[in-house]
mmCIF file of all heavy atoms, coordinates in Angstrom:
data_MODEL
# 
_entry.id   MODEL 
# 
loop_
_atom_site.group_PDB 
_atom_site.id 
_atom_site.type_symbol 
_atom_site.label_atom_id 
_atom_site.label_alt_id 
_atom_site.label_comp_id 
_atom_site.label_asym_id 
_atom_site.label_entity_id 
_atom_site.label_seq_id 
_atom_site.pdbx_PDB_ins_code 
_atom_site.Cartn_x 
_atom_site.Cartn_y 
_atom_site.Cartn_z 
_atom_site.occupancy 
_atom_site.B_iso_or_equiv 
_atom_site.pdbx_formal_charge 
_atom_site.auth_seq_id 
_atom_site.auth_comp_id 
_atom_site.auth_asym_id 
_atom_site.auth_atom_id 
_atom_site.pdbx_PDB_model_num 
ATOM 1   N N   . THR A 1 1  ? -10.364 -11.130 5.423  1.00 0.00 ? 1  THR A N   1 
ATOM 2   C CA  . THR A 1 1  ? -11.172 -9.908  5.493  1.00 0.00 ? 1  THR A CA  1 
ATOM 3   C C   . THR A 1 1  ? -12.162 -9.928  4.331  1.00 0.00 ? 1  THR A C   1 
ATOM 4   O O   . THR A 1 1  ? -12.168 -10.801 3.402  1.00 0.00 ? 1  THR A O   1 
ATOM 5   C CB  . THR A 1 1  ? -10.319 -8.570  5.321  1.00 0.00 ? 1  THR A CB  1 
ATOM 6   O OG1 . THR A 1 1  ? -9.829  -8.536  4.070  1.00 0.00 ? 1  THR A OG1 1 
ATOM 7   C CG2 . THR A 1 1  ? -9.374  -8.552  6.382  1.00 0.00 ? 1  THR A CG2 1 
ATOM 8   N N   . ILE A 1 2  ? -13.183 -8.914  4.338  1.00 0.00 ? 2  ILE A N   1 
ATOM 9   C CA  . ILE A 1 2  ? -14.007 -8.747  3.209  1.00 0.00 ? 2  ILE A CA  1 
ATOM 10  C C   . ILE A 1 2  ? -13.344 -7.854  2.279  1.00 0.00 ? 2  ILE A C   1 
ATOM 11  O O   . ILE A 1 2  ? -13.314 -6.553  2.474  1.00 0.00 ? 2  ILE A O   1 
ATOM 12  C CB  . ILE A 1 2  ? -15.416 -8.164  3.683  1.00 0.00 ? 2  ILE A CB  1 
ATOM 13  C CG1 . ILE A 1 2  ? -15.991 -9.031  4.704  1.00 0.00 ? 2  ILE A CG1 1 
ATOM 14  C CG2 . ILE A 1 2  ? -16.335 -7.925  2.480  1.00 0.00 ? 2  ILE A CG2 1 
ATOM 15  C CD1 . ILE A 1 2  ? -17.282 -8.542  5.346  1.00 0.00 ? 2  ILE A CD1 1 
ATOM 16  N N   . PHE A 1 3  ? -12.609 -8.399  1.241  1.00 0.00 ? 3  PHE A N   1 
ATOM 17  C CA  . PHE A 1 3  ? -11.645 -7.563  0.420  1.00 0.00 ? 3  PHE A CA  1 
ATOM 18  C C   . PHE A 1 3  ? -12.417 -6.444  -0.150 1.00 0.00 ? 3  PHE A C   1 
ATOM 19  O O   . PHE A 1 3  ? -11.805 -5.428  -0.370 1.00 0.00 ? 3  PHE A O   1 
ATOM 20  C CB  . PHE A 1 3  ? -11.132 -8.648  -0.654 1.00 0.00 ? 3  PHE A CB  1 
ATOM 21  C CG  . PHE A 1 3  ? -10.202 -7.964  -1.585 1.00 0.00 ? 3  PHE A CG  1 
ATOM 22  C CD1 . PHE A 1 3  ? -8.877  -7.900  -1.160 1.00 0.00 ? 3  PHE A CD1 1 
ATOM 23  C CD2 . PHE A 1 3  ? -10.598 -7.584  -2.748 1.00 0.00 ? 3  PHE A CD2 1 
ATOM 24  C CE1 . PHE A 1 3  ? -7.908  -7.313  -2.123 1.00 0.00 ? 3  PHE A CE1 1 
ATOM 25  C CE2 . PHE A 1 3  ? -9.669  -7.057  -3.711 1.00 0.00 ? 3  PHE A CE2 1 
ATOM 26  C CZ  . PHE A 1 3  ? -8.359  -6.899  -3.423 1.00 0.00 ? 3  PHE A CZ  1 
ATOM 27  N N   . SER A 1 4  ? -13.645 -6.606  -0.599 1.00 0.00 ? 4  SER A N   1 
ATOM 28  C CA  . SER A 1 4  ? -14.295 -5.510  -1.349 1.00 0.00 ? 4  SER A CA  1 
ATOM 29  C C   . SER A 1 4  ? -14.543 -4.307  -0.462 1.00 0.00 ? 4  SER A C   1 
ATOM 30  O O   . SER A 1 4  ? -14.894 -3.218  -1.043 1.00 0.00 ? 4  SER A O   1 
ATOM 31  C CB  . SER A 1 4  ? -15.625 -5.970  -1.997 1.00 0.00 ? 4  SER A CB  1 
ATOM 32  O OG  . SER A 1 4  ? -16.427 -6.355  -0.827 1.00 0.00 ? 4  SER A OG  1 
ATOM 33  N N   . MET A 1 5  ? -14.393 -4.471  0.907  1.00 0.00 ? 5  MET A N   1 
ATOM 34  C CA  . MET A 1 5  ? -14.610 -3.338  1.820  1.00 0.00 ? 5  MET A CA  1 
ATOM 35  C C   . MET A 1 5  ? -13.291 -2.744  2.262  1.00 0.00 ? 5  MET A C   1 
ATOM 36  O O   . MET A 1 5  ? -13.177 -1.864  3.123  1.00 0.00 ? 5  MET A O   1 
ATOM 37  C CB  . MET A 1 5  ? -15.309 -3.840  2.928  1.00 0.00 ? 5  MET A CB  1 
ATOM 38  C CG  . MET A 1 5  ? -16.835 -4.183  2.611  1.00 0.00 ? 5  MET A CG  1 
ATOM 39  S SD  . MET A 1 5  ? -17.708 -4.749  4.025  1.00 0.00 ? 5  MET A SD  1 
ATOM 40  C CE  . MET A 1 5  ? -17.725 -3.316  5.131  1.00 0.00 ? 5  MET A CE  1 
ATOM 41  N N   . ALA A 1 6  ? -12.165 -3.122  1.548  1.00 0.00 ? 6  ALA A N   1 
ATOM 42  C CA  . ALA A 1 6  ? -10.825 -2.758  2.076  1.00 0.00 ? 6  ALA A CA  1 
ATOM 43  C C   . ALA A 1 6  ? -10.165 -1.747  1.037  1.00 0.00 ? 6  ALA A C   1 
ATOM 44  O O   . ALA A 1 6  ? -10.332 -2.003  -0.127 1.00 0.00 ? 6  ALA A O   1 
ATOM 45  C CB  . ALA A 1 6  ? -9.980  -3.935  2.330  1.00 0.00 ? 6  ALA A CB  1 
ATOM 46  N N   . THR A 1 7  ? -9.526  -0.761  1.581  1.00 0.00 ? 7  THR A N   1 
ATOM 47  C CA  . THR A 1 7  ? -8.559  0.011   0.772  1.00 0.00 ? 7  THR A CA  1 
ATOM 48  C C   . THR A 1 7  ? -7.293  -0.596  0.632  1.00 0.00 ? 7  THR A C   1 
ATOM 49  O O   . THR A 1 7  ? -6.758  -1.032  1.648  1.00 0.00 ? 7  THR A O   1 
ATOM 50  C CB  . THR A 1 7  ? -8.382  1.411   1.259  1.00 0.00 ? 7  THR A CB  1 
ATOM 51  O OG1 . THR A 1 7  ? -9.651  2.219   1.261  1.00 0.00 ? 7  THR A OG1 1 
ATOM 52  C CG2 . THR A 1 7  ? -7.278  2.223   0.574  1.00 0.00 ? 7  THR A CG2 1 
ATOM 53  N N   . MET A 1 8  ? -6.806  -0.843  -0.573 1.00 0.00 ? 8  MET A N   1 
ATOM 54  C CA  . MET A 1 8  ? -5.559  -1.564  -0.837 1.00 0.00 ? 8  MET A CA  1 
ATOM 55  C C   . MET A 1 8  ? -4.505  -0.698  -1.289 1.00 0.00 ? 8  MET A C   1 
ATOM 56  O O   . MET A 1 8  ? -4.728  0.352   -1.927 1.00 0.00 ? 8  MET A O   1 
ATOM 57  C CB  . MET A 1 8  ? -5.844  -2.680  -1.862 1.00 0.00 ? 8  MET A CB  1 
ATOM 58  C CG  . MET A 1 8  ? -6.899  -3.712  -1.476 1.00 0.00 ? 8  MET A CG  1 
ATOM 59  S SD  . MET A 1 8  ? -6.546  -4.590  0.092  1.00 0.00 ? 8  MET A SD  1 
ATOM 60  C CE  . MET A 1 8  ? -5.031  -5.437  -0.383 1.00 0.00 ? 8  MET A CE  1 
ATOM 61  N N   . GLY A 1 9  ? -3.225  -0.970  -1.055 1.00 0.00 ? 9  GLY A N   1 
ATOM 62  C CA  . GLY A 1 9  ? -2.173  -0.217  -1.461 1.00 0.00 ? 9  GLY A CA  1 
ATOM 63  C C   . GLY A 1 9  ? -0.911  -0.919  -1.571 1.00 0.00 ? 9  GLY A C   1 
ATOM 64  O O   . GLY A 1 9  ? -0.722  -2.064  -1.240 1.00 0.00 ? 9  GLY A O   1 
ATOM 65  N N   . TRP A 1 10 ? 0.047   -0.319  -2.336 1.00 0.00 ? 10 TRP A N   1 
ATOM 66  C CA  . TRP A 1 10 ? 1.434   -0.823  -2.430 1.00 0.00 ? 10 TRP A CA  1 
ATOM 67  C C   . TRP A 1 10 ? 2.352   0.260   -1.947 1.00 0.00 ? 10 TRP A C   1 
ATOM 68  O O   . TRP A 1 10 ? 2.227   1.461   -2.201 1.00 0.00 ? 10 TRP A O   1 
ATOM 69  C CB  . TRP A 1 10 ? 1.695   -1.060  -3.916 1.00 0.00 ? 10 TRP A CB  1 
ATOM 70  C CG  . TRP A 1 10 ? 0.962   -2.326  -4.509 1.00 0.00 ? 10 TRP A CG  1 
ATOM 71  C CD1 . TRP A 1 10 ? -0.117  -2.286  -5.226 1.00 0.00 ? 10 TRP A CD1 1 
ATOM 72  C CD2 . TRP A 1 10 ? 1.457   -3.648  -4.428 1.00 0.00 ? 10 TRP A CD2 1 
ATOM 73  N NE1 . TRP A 1 10 ? -0.561  -3.643  -5.563 1.00 0.00 ? 10 TRP A NE1 1 
ATOM 74  C CE2 . TRP A 1 10 ? 0.479   -4.402  -5.139 1.00 0.00 ? 10 TRP A CE2 1 
ATOM 75  C CE3 . TRP A 1 10 ? 2.432   -4.284  -3.819 1.00 0.00 ? 10 TRP A CE3 1 
ATOM 76  C CZ2 . TRP A 1 10 ? 0.619   -5.806  -5.202 1.00 0.00 ? 10 TRP A CZ2 1 
ATOM 77  C CZ3 . TRP A 1 10 ? 2.589   -5.656  -3.907 1.00 0.00 ? 10 TRP A CZ3 1 
ATOM 78  C CH2 . TRP A 1 10 ? 1.659   -6.351  -4.684 1.00 0.00 ? 10 TRP A CH2 1 
ATOM 79  N N   . TYR A 1 11 ? 3.257   -0.277  -1.142 1.00 0.00 ? 11 TYR A N   1 
ATOM 80  C CA  . TYR A 1 11 ? 4.353   0.516   -0.730 1.00 0.00 ? 11 TYR A CA  1 
ATOM 81  C C   . TYR A 1 11 ? 5.705   -0.113  -1.123 1.00 0.00 ? 11 TYR A C   1 
ATOM 82  O O   . TYR A 1 11 ? 5.697   -1.227  -1.502 1.00 0.00 ? 11 TYR A O   1 
ATOM 83  C CB  . TYR A 1 11 ? 4.393   0.592   0.929  1.00 0.00 ? 11 TYR A CB  1 
ATOM 84  C CG  . TYR A 1 11 ? 3.331   1.359   1.436  1.00 0.00 ? 11 TYR A CG  1 
ATOM 85  C CD1 . TYR A 1 11 ? 1.903   1.013   1.322  1.00 0.00 ? 11 TYR A CD1 1 
ATOM 86  C CD2 . TYR A 1 11 ? 3.546   2.571   2.168  1.00 0.00 ? 11 TYR A CD2 1 
ATOM 87  C CE1 . TYR A 1 11 ? 0.862   1.817   1.958  1.00 0.00 ? 11 TYR A CE1 1 
ATOM 88  C CE2 . TYR A 1 11 ? 2.574   3.362   2.658  1.00 0.00 ? 11 TYR A CE2 1 
ATOM 89  C CZ  . TYR A 1 11 ? 1.224   2.961   2.507  1.00 0.00 ? 11 TYR A CZ  1 
ATOM 90  O OH  . TYR A 1 11 ? 0.219   3.756   3.125  1.00 0.00 ? 11 TYR A OH  1 
ATOM 91  N N   . ARG A 1 12 ? 6.820   0.655   -0.922 1.00 0.00 ? 12 ARG A N   1 
ATOM 92  C CA  . ARG A 1 12 ? 8.132   0.062   -1.189 1.00 0.00 ? 12 ARG A CA  1 
ATOM 93  C C   . ARG A 1 12 ? 9.109   0.569   -0.266 1.00 0.00 ? 12 ARG A C   1 
ATOM 94  O O   . ARG A 1 12 ? 9.023   1.757   0.277  1.00 0.00 ? 12 ARG A O   1 
ATOM 95  C CB  . ARG A 1 12 ? 8.527   0.304   -2.584 1.00 0.00 ? 12 ARG A CB  1 
ATOM 96  C CG  . ARG A 1 12 ? 8.774   1.694   -3.004 1.00 0.00 ? 12 ARG A CG  1 
ATOM 97  C CD  . ARG A 1 12 ? 9.010   1.934   -4.588 1.00 0.00 ? 12 ARG A CD  1 
ATOM 98  N NE  . ARG A 1 12 ? 9.326   3.287   -4.845 1.00 0.00 ? 12 ARG A NE  1 
ATOM 99  C CZ  . ARG A 1 12 ? 9.357   3.749   -6.166 1.00 0.00 ? 12 ARG A CZ  1 
ATOM 100 N NH1 . ARG A 1 12 ? 9.342   2.886   -7.075 1.00 0.00 ? 12 ARG A NH1 1 
ATOM 101 N NH2 . ARG A 1 12 ? 9.664   4.971   -6.404 1.00 0.00 ? 12 ARG A NH2 1 
ATOM 102 N N   . GLN A 1 13 ? 10.167  -0.217  -0.089 1.00 0.00 ? 13 GLN A N   1 
ATOM 103 C CA  . GLN A 1 13 ? 11.284  0.120   0.736  1.00 0.00 ? 13 GLN A CA  1 
ATOM 104 C C   . GLN A 1 13 ? 12.648  -0.250  0.079  1.00 0.00 ? 13 GLN A C   1 
ATOM 105 O O   . GLN A 1 13 ? 12.864  -1.428  -0.134 1.00 0.00 ? 13 GLN A O   1 
ATOM 106 C CB  . GLN A 1 13 ? 11.199  -0.413  2.113  1.00 0.00 ? 13 GLN A CB  1 
ATOM 107 C CG  . GLN A 1 13 ? 12.245  0.133   3.106  1.00 0.00 ? 13 GLN A CG  1 
ATOM 108 C CD  . GLN A 1 13 ? 11.879  -0.247  4.469  1.00 0.00 ? 13 GLN A CD  1 
ATOM 109 O OE1 . GLN A 1 13 ? 11.187  -1.189  4.815  1.00 0.00 ? 13 GLN A OE1 1 
ATOM 110 N NE2 . GLN A 1 13 ? 12.409  0.521   5.492  1.00 0.00 ? 13 GLN A NE2 1 
ATOM 111 N N   . ALA A 1 14 ? 13.414  0.805   -0.217 1.00 0.00 ? 14 ALA A N   1 
ATOM 112 C CA  . ALA A 1 14 ? 14.763  0.626   -0.831 1.00 0.00 ? 14 ALA A CA  1 
ATOM 113 C C   . ALA A 1 14 ? 15.740  0.526   0.248  1.00 0.00 ? 14 ALA A C   1 
ATOM 114 O O   . ALA A 1 14 ? 15.567  0.889   1.443  1.00 0.00 ? 14 ALA A O   1 
ATOM 115 C CB  . ALA A 1 14 ? 15.031  1.652   -1.647 1.00 0.00 ? 14 ALA A CB  1 
ATOM 116 N N   . PRO A 1 15 ? 16.882  -0.192  0.052  1.00 0.00 ? 15 PRO A N   1 
ATOM 117 C CA  . PRO A 1 15 ? 17.851  -0.232  1.114  1.00 0.00 ? 15 PRO A CA  1 
ATOM 118 C C   . PRO A 1 15 ? 18.358  1.048   1.676  1.00 0.00 ? 15 PRO A C   1 
ATOM 119 O O   . PRO A 1 15 ? 18.548  1.975   1.023  1.00 0.00 ? 15 PRO A O   1 
ATOM 120 C CB  . PRO A 1 15 ? 19.090  -0.953  0.395  1.00 0.00 ? 15 PRO A CB  1 
ATOM 121 C CG  . PRO A 1 15 ? 18.431  -1.670  -0.751 1.00 0.00 ? 15 PRO A CG  1 
ATOM 122 C CD  . PRO A 1 15 ? 17.267  -0.822  -1.170 1.00 0.00 ? 15 PRO A CD  1 
ATOM 123 N N   . GLY A 1 16 ? 18.293  1.189   2.970  1.00 0.00 ? 16 GLY A N   1 
ATOM 124 C CA  . GLY A 1 16 ? 18.695  2.360   3.712  1.00 0.00 ? 16 GLY A CA  1 
ATOM 125 C C   . GLY A 1 16 ? 17.692  3.550   3.635  1.00 0.00 ? 16 GLY A C   1 
ATOM 126 O O   . GLY A 1 16 ? 18.057  4.592   4.032  1.00 0.00 ? 16 GLY A O   1 
ATOM 127 N N   . LYS A 1 17 ? 16.516  3.243   3.126  1.00 0.00 ? 17 LYS A N   1 
ATOM 128 C CA  . LYS A 1 17 ? 15.461  4.234   2.998  1.00 0.00 ? 17 LYS A CA  1 
ATOM 129 C C   . LYS A 1 17 ? 14.255  3.901   3.799  1.00 0.00 ? 17 LYS A C   1 
ATOM 130 O O   . LYS A 1 17 ? 14.008  2.704   4.038  1.00 0.00 ? 17 LYS A O   1 
ATOM 131 C CB  . LYS A 1 17 ? 15.130  4.626   1.540  1.00 0.00 ? 17 LYS A CB  1 
ATOM 132 C CG  . LYS A 1 17 ? 16.303  5.131   0.806  1.00 0.00 ? 17 LYS A CG  1 
ATOM 133 C CD  . LYS A 1 17 ? 15.801  5.573   -0.670 1.00 0.00 ? 17 LYS A CD  1 
ATOM 134 C CE  . LYS A 1 17 ? 16.993  6.243   -1.410 1.00 0.00 ? 17 LYS A CE  1 
ATOM 135 N NZ  . LYS A 1 17 ? 16.466  6.792   -2.790 1.00 0.00 ? 17 LYS A NZ  1 
ATOM 136 N N   . GLN A 1 18 ? 13.397  4.919   4.026  1.00 0.00 ? 18 GLN A N   1 
ATOM 137 C CA  . GLN A 1 18 ? 12.088  4.541   4.636  1.00 0.00 ? 18 GLN A CA  1 
ATOM 138 C C   . GLN A 1 18 ? 11.123  3.965   3.557  1.00 0.00 ? 18 GLN A C   1 
ATOM 139 O O   . GLN A 1 18 ? 11.195  4.206   2.499  1.00 0.00 ? 18 GLN A O   1 
ATOM 140 C CB  . GLN A 1 18 ? 11.543  5.925   5.329  1.00 0.00 ? 18 GLN A CB  1 
ATOM 141 C CG  . GLN A 1 18 ? 12.315  6.375   6.522  1.00 0.00 ? 18 GLN A CG  1 
ATOM 142 C CD  . GLN A 1 18 ? 11.724  7.532   7.174  1.00 0.00 ? 18 GLN A CD  1 
ATOM 143 O OE1 . GLN A 1 18 ? 10.872  8.243   6.477  1.00 0.00 ? 18 GLN A OE1 1 
ATOM 144 N NE2 . GLN A 1 18 ? 11.774  7.605   8.509  1.00 0.00 ? 18 GLN A NE2 1 
ATOM 145 N N   . ARG A 1 19 ? 10.156  3.264   4.275  1.00 0.00 ? 19 ARG A N   1 
ATOM 146 C CA  . ARG A 1 19 ? 8.995   2.760   3.346  1.00 0.00 ? 19 ARG A CA  1 
ATOM 147 C C   . ARG A 1 19 ? 8.344   3.927   2.888  1.00 0.00 ? 19 ARG A C   1 
ATOM 148 O O   . ARG A 1 19 ? 7.940   4.812   3.748  1.00 0.00 ? 19 ARG A O   1 
ATOM 149 C CB  . ARG A 1 19 ? 8.236   1.784   4.187  1.00 0.00 ? 19 ARG A CB  1 
ATOM 150 C CG  . ARG A 1 19 ? 7.173   0.955   3.365  1.00 0.00 ? 19 ARG A CG  1 
ATOM 151 C CD  . ARG A 1 19 ? 6.582   -0.133  4.218  1.00 0.00 ? 19 ARG A CD  1 
ATOM 152 N NE  . ARG A 1 19 ? 7.603   -1.139  4.708  1.00 0.00 ? 19 ARG A NE  1 
ATOM 153 C CZ  . ARG A 1 19 ? 7.056   -2.283  5.374  1.00 0.00 ? 19 ARG A CZ  1 
ATOM 154 N NH1 . ARG A 1 19 ? 5.788   -2.510  5.537  1.00 0.00 ? 19 ARG A NH1 1 
ATOM 155 N NH2 . ARG A 1 19 ? 8.020   -2.972  5.903  1.00 0.00 ? 19 ARG A NH2 1 
ATOM 156 N N   . GLU A 1 20 ? 7.846   3.805   1.592  1.00 0.00 ? 20 GLU A N   1 
ATOM 157 C CA  . GLU A 1 20 ? 7.133   4.897   1.013  1.00 0.00 ? 20 GLU A CA  1 
ATOM 158 C C   . GLU A 1 20 ? 5.957   4.382   0.275  1.00 0.00 ? 20 GLU A C   1 
ATOM 159 O O   . GLU A 1 20 ? 6.004   3.254   -0.275 1.00 0.00 ? 20 GLU A O   1 
ATOM 160 C CB  . GLU A 1 20 ? 8.066   5.759   0.020  1.00 0.00 ? 20 GLU A CB  1 
ATOM 161 C CG  . GLU A 1 20 ? 8.542   4.971   -1.214 1.00 0.00 ? 20 GLU A CG  1 
ATOM 162 C CD  . GLU A 1 20 ? 9.325   5.786   -2.156 1.00 0.00 ? 20 GLU A CD  1 
ATOM 163 O OE1 . GLU A 1 20 ? 9.499   7.037   -1.861 1.00 0.00 ? 20 GLU A OE1 1 
ATOM 164 O OE2 . GLU A 1 20 ? 9.768   5.273   -3.168 1.00 0.00 ? 20 GLU A OE2 1 
ATOM 165 N N   . LEU A 1 21 ? 4.843   5.179   0.254  1.00 0.00 ? 21 LEU A N   1 
ATOM 166 C CA  . LEU A 1 21 ? 3.690   4.895   -0.475 1.00 0.00 ? 21 LEU A CA  1 
ATOM 167 C C   . LEU A 1 21 ? 3.944   4.805   -1.983 1.00 0.00 ? 21 LEU A C   1 
ATOM 168 O O   . LEU A 1 21 ? 4.572   5.801   -2.449 1.00 0.00 ? 21 LEU A O   1 
ATOM 169 C CB  . LEU A 1 21 ? 2.617   5.893   -0.103 1.00 0.00 ? 21 LEU A CB  1 
ATOM 170 C CG  . LEU A 1 21 ? 1.208   5.732   -0.819 1.00 0.00 ? 21 LEU A CG  1 
ATOM 171 C CD1 . LEU A 1 21 ? 0.565   4.362   -0.611 1.00 0.00 ? 21 LEU A CD1 1 
ATOM 172 C CD2 . LEU A 1 21 ? 0.292   6.871   -0.470 1.00 0.00 ? 21 LEU A CD2 1 
ATOM 173 N N   . VAL A 1 22 ? 3.414   3.908   -2.712 1.00 0.00 ? 22 VAL A N   1 
ATOM 174 C CA  . VAL A 1 22 ? 3.428   3.934   -4.167 1.00 0.00 ? 22 VAL A CA  1 
ATOM 175 C C   . VAL A 1 22 ? 2.182   4.194   -4.800 1.00 0.00 ? 22 VAL A C   1 
ATOM 176 O O   . VAL A 1 22 ? 1.974   5.088   -5.685 1.00 0.00 ? 22 VAL A O   1 
ATOM 177 C CB  . VAL A 1 22 ? 4.003   2.544   -4.617 1.00 0.00 ? 22 VAL A CB  1 
ATOM 178 C CG1 . VAL A 1 22 ? 3.958   2.429   -6.116 1.00 0.00 ? 22 VAL A CG1 1 
ATOM 179 C CG2 . VAL A 1 22 ? 5.314   2.190   -4.126 1.00 0.00 ? 22 VAL A CG2 1 
ATOM 180 N N   . ALA A 1 23 ? 1.153   3.550   -4.446 1.00 0.00 ? 23 ALA A N   1 
ATOM 181 C CA  . ALA A 1 23 ? -0.238  3.697   -4.891 1.00 0.00 ? 23 ALA A CA  1 
ATOM 182 C C   . ALA A 1 23 ? -1.238  3.052   -4.051 1.00 0.00 ? 23 ALA A C   1 
ATOM 183 O O   . ALA A 1 23 ? -0.982  2.096   -3.289 1.00 0.00 ? 23 ALA A O   1 
ATOM 184 C CB  . ALA A 1 23 ? -0.282  3.009   -6.329 1.00 0.00 ? 23 ALA A CB  1 
ATOM 185 N N   . THR A 1 24 ? -2.449  3.684   -4.060 1.00 0.00 ? 24 THR A N   1 
ATOM 186 C CA  . THR A 1 24 ? -3.578  3.032   -3.336 1.00 0.00 ? 24 THR A CA  1 
ATOM 187 C C   . THR A 1 24 ? -4.810  3.009   -4.296 1.00 0.00 ? 24 THR A C   1 
ATOM 188 O O   . THR A 1 24 ? -4.901  3.828   -5.234 1.00 0.00 ? 24 THR A O   1 
ATOM 189 C CB  . THR A 1 24 ? -3.963  3.846   -2.140 1.00 0.00 ? 24 THR A CB  1 
ATOM 190 O OG1 . THR A 1 24 ? -4.284  5.181   -2.576 1.00 0.00 ? 24 THR A OG1 1 
ATOM 191 C CG2 . THR A 1 24 ? -2.723  4.004   -1.106 1.00 0.00 ? 24 THR A CG2 1 
ATOM 192 N N   . ILE A 1 25 ? -5.768  2.160   -3.909 1.00 0.00 ? 25 ILE A N   1 
ATOM 193 C CA  . ILE A 1 25 ? -6.993  1.986   -4.571 1.00 0.00 ? 25 ILE A CA  1 
ATOM 194 C C   . ILE A 1 25 ? -8.117  1.791   -3.524 1.00 0.00 ? 25 ILE A C   1 
ATOM 195 O O   . ILE A 1 25 ? -7.980  0.873   -2.781 1.00 0.00 ? 25 ILE A O   1 
ATOM 196 C CB  . ILE A 1 25 ? -7.013  0.967   -5.584 1.00 0.00 ? 25 ILE A CB  1 
ATOM 197 C CG1 . ILE A 1 25 ? -8.306  0.900   -6.505 1.00 0.00 ? 25 ILE A CG1 1 
ATOM 198 C CG2 . ILE A 1 25 ? -6.678  -0.453  -5.052 1.00 0.00 ? 25 ILE A CG2 1 
ATOM 199 C CD1 . ILE A 1 25 ? -8.157  0.035   -7.727 1.00 0.00 ? 25 ILE A CD1 1 
ATOM 200 N N   . THR A 1 26 ? -9.245  2.550   -3.609 1.00 0.00 ? 26 THR A N   1 
ATOM 201 C CA  . THR A 1 26 ? -10.274 2.508   -2.579 1.00 0.00 ? 26 THR A CA  1 
ATOM 202 C C   . THR A 1 26 ? -11.233 1.459   -3.057 1.00 0.00 ? 26 THR A C   1 
ATOM 203 O O   . THR A 1 26 ? -11.154 0.941   -4.077 1.00 0.00 ? 26 THR A O   1 
ATOM 204 C CB  . THR A 1 26 ? -10.909 3.888   -2.428 1.00 0.00 ? 26 THR A CB  1 
ATOM 205 O OG1 . THR A 1 26 ? -11.603 4.235   -3.612 1.00 0.00 ? 26 THR A OG1 1 
ATOM 206 C CG2 . THR A 1 26 ? -9.772  5.013   -2.183 1.00 0.00 ? 26 THR A CG2 1 
ATOM 207 N N   . ILE A 1 27 ? -12.317 1.368   -2.155 1.00 0.00 ? 27 ILE A N   1 
ATOM 208 C CA  . ILE A 1 27 ? -13.376 0.482   -2.496 1.00 0.00 ? 27 ILE A CA  1 
ATOM 209 C C   . ILE A 1 27 ? -14.183 0.873   -3.652 1.00 0.00 ? 27 ILE A C   1 
ATOM 210 O O   . ILE A 1 27 ? -14.852 0.055   -4.308 1.00 0.00 ? 27 ILE A O   1 
ATOM 211 C CB  . ILE A 1 27 ? -14.276 0.146   -1.196 1.00 0.00 ? 27 ILE A CB  1 
ATOM 212 C CG1 . ILE A 1 27 ? -14.961 1.434   -0.798 1.00 0.00 ? 27 ILE A CG1 1 
ATOM 213 C CG2 . ILE A 1 27 ? -13.474 -0.456  -0.114 1.00 0.00 ? 27 ILE A CG2 1 
ATOM 214 C CD1 . ILE A 1 27 ? -15.901 1.188   0.377  1.00 0.00 ? 27 ILE A CD1 1 
# 
């Protein structure tokens, strides 16, 4: 992709739990 045009983020999922948002960074 054109990386500079993408919003990037980190999520995490612990055992037995739903995936959750950790952090995001926009263009």
